[in-house]
Amino acid sequence: MNVKECYEAIGGDYESMKQRFLKDDRIQRFALMFLKDGSMDDLRAGMRENDCEKAFLAAHTLKGVCLNLGLTGLLAPVSGITEELRDGSYEGASKLMPLVEQSYEAVCEGLKELEQS
């Protein structure tokens, strides 16, 4: 799998990344850093602890990472949960968490496949 195929598979915006980073090896290097980012773990912990502030900070960070890496397939659900948490709605965020988890896992699986290629 090459970088473009990976981005297509994970619902990412390859074209904007290509404009920003110019070379696929640069895109790949930065995209693979996503796998080491702890924002999702922090979001899970905040949700598990019913800590809206902690969960919000993690979701907001994850949203920024998605924007910077062109991970548009994950960006939409993360943006939704960020806004729910910003409003202090743990219940609303809880309803969105399964979609965030599903989208996050899909991105990680695609990036792991890219890493192994």
Protein backbone atom coordinates (compact mmCIF):
# COMPACT_ATOMS: atom_id res chain seq x y z
CA MET A 1 0.00 0.00 0.00
CA ASN A 2 1.35 3.42 -0.87
CA VAL A 3 0.56 6.71 0.85
CA LYS A 4 -2.16 7.74 -1.59
CA GLU A 5 -3.88 4.35 -1.32
CA CYS A 6 -3.68 4.56 2.46
CA TYR A 7 -5.28 7.99 2.56
CA GLU A 8 -8.03 6.83 0.22
CA ALA A 9 -8.67 3.78 2.42
CA ILE A 10 -8.86 5.78 5.66
CA GLY A 11 -10.92 8.64 4.24
CA GLY A 12 -8.04 11.11 4.37
CA ASP A 13 -7.33 14.14 2.23
CA TYR A 14 -4.24 13.05 0.32
CA GLU A 15 -4.30 16.02 -2.07
CA SER A 16 -4.07 18.62 0.70
CA MET A 17 -1.27 16.64 2.32
CA LYS A 18 0.58 16.44 -0.98
CA GLN A 19 0.32 20.22 -1.35
CA ARG A 20 1.55 20.76 2.20
CA PHE A 21 4.36 18.18 2.40
CA LEU A 22 5.21 17.84 -1.32
CA LYS A 23 6.61 14.30 -1.05
CA ASP A 24 4.97 11.03 -0.09
CA ASP A 25 7.82 10.03 2.22
CA ARG A 26 7.22 13.19 4.26
CA ILE A 27 3.49 12.54 4.39
CA GLN A 28 4.16 9.00 5.52
CA ARG A 29 6.65 10.04 8.19
CA PHE A 30 4.21 12.50 9.77
CA ALA A 31 1.14 10.31 9.31
CA LEU A 32 2.80 7.41 11.08
CA MET A 33 3.48 9.66 14.07
CA PHE A 34 -0.28 9.54 14.61
CA LEU A 35 0.09 5.98 15.87
CA LYS A 36 2.17 7.27 18.79
CA ASP A 37 -0.13 10.16 19.68
CA GLY A 38 -1.76 9.72 23.10
CA SER A 39 -4.79 11.94 22.55
CA MET A 40 -7.19 9.05 21.99
CA ASP A 41 -6.01 7.33 25.17
CA ASP A 42 -6.56 10.58 27.05
CA LEU A 43 -10.04 10.95 25.52
CA ARG A 44 -10.93 7.41 26.56
CA ALA A 45 -9.66 8.07 30.09
CA GLY A 46 -11.62 11.32 30.36
CA MET A 47 -14.79 9.63 29.19
CA ARG A 48 -14.26 6.65 31.50
CA GLU A 49 -13.72 9.02 34.44
CA ASN A 50 -16.72 11.22 33.49
CA ASP A 51 -14.27 14.14 33.32
CA CYS A 52 -15.60 16.46 30.61
CA GLU A 53 -12.68 18.87 30.87
CA LYS A 54 -10.05 16.16 30.47
CA ALA A 55 -12.00 14.54 27.66
CA PHE A 56 -12.52 17.91 25.94
CA LEU A 57 -8.82 18.76 26.01
CA ALA A 58 -7.97 15.36 24.54
CA ALA A 59 -10.68 15.57 21.87
CA HIS A 60 -9.61 19.09 20.94
CA THR A 61 -6.00 17.95 20.60
CA LEU A 62 -7.05 14.96 18.53
CA LYS A 63 -9.10 17.26 16.31
CA GLY A 64 -6.02 19.41 15.68
CA VAL A 65 -3.93 16.37 14.85
CA CYS A 66 -6.60 15.22 12.38
CA LEU A 67 -6.63 18.65 10.73
CA ASN A 68 -2.84 18.75 10.45
CA LEU A 69 -2.63 15.24 8.99
CA GLY A 70 -5.61 15.48 6.65
CA LEU A 71 -7.47 12.69 8.46
CA THR A 72 -10.89 13.92 7.39
CA GLY A 73 -12.65 10.59 7.99
CA LEU A 74 -11.81 10.83 11.68
CA LEU A 75 -12.11 14.61 11.84
CA ALA A 76 -15.91 14.69 11.53
CA PRO A 77 -16.71 12.46 14.53
CA VAL A 78 -13.92 14.00 16.61
CA SER A 79 -15.24 17.49 15.84
CA GLY A 80 -18.70 16.39 16.96
CA ILE A 81 -17.51 14.96 20.25
CA THR A 82 -15.32 18.02 20.83
CA GLU A 83 -18.33 20.31 20.57
CA GLU A 84 -20.44 18.11 22.86
CA LEU A 85 -17.68 18.17 25.46
CA ARG A 86 -17.14 21.91 25.01
CA ASP A 87 -20.79 22.34 25.99
CA GLY A 88 -20.27 20.04 28.98
CA SER A 89 -22.54 17.37 27.53
CA TYR A 90 -21.07 14.08 28.71
CA GLU A 91 -24.26 12.31 27.59
CA GLY A 92 -24.02 13.71 24.06
CA ALA A 93 -20.33 12.86 23.89
CA SER A 94 -21.01 9.32 25.11
CA LYS A 95 -23.38 8.79 22.20
CA LEU A 96 -20.67 9.85 19.73
CA MET A 97 -17.85 7.85 21.31
CA PRO A 98 -18.58 4.57 19.44
CA LEU A 99 -18.28 6.36 16.08
CA VAL A 100 -15.06 8.06 17.20
CA GLU A 101 -13.68 4.67 18.30
CA GLN A 102 -14.67 3.03 15.01
CA SER A 103 -13.17 5.82 12.90
CA TYR A 104 -10.02 5.93 15.01
CA GLU A 105 -9.47 2.18 14.69
CA ALA A 106 -9.97 2.36 10.91
CA VAL A 107 -7.32 5.08 10.64
CA CYS A 108 -4.89 3.13 12.83
CA GLU A 109 -5.41 -0.06 10.83
CA GLY A 110 -4.74 1.78 7.57
CA LEU A 111 -1.63 3.47 8.92
CA LYS A 112 -0.30 0.20 10.32
CA GLU A 113 -0.78 -1.37 6.90
CA LEU A 114 1.11 1.54 5.34
CA GLU A 115 3.88 1.14 7.90
CA GLN A 116 4.28 -2.54 7.02
CA SER A 117 4.34 -1.90 3.26
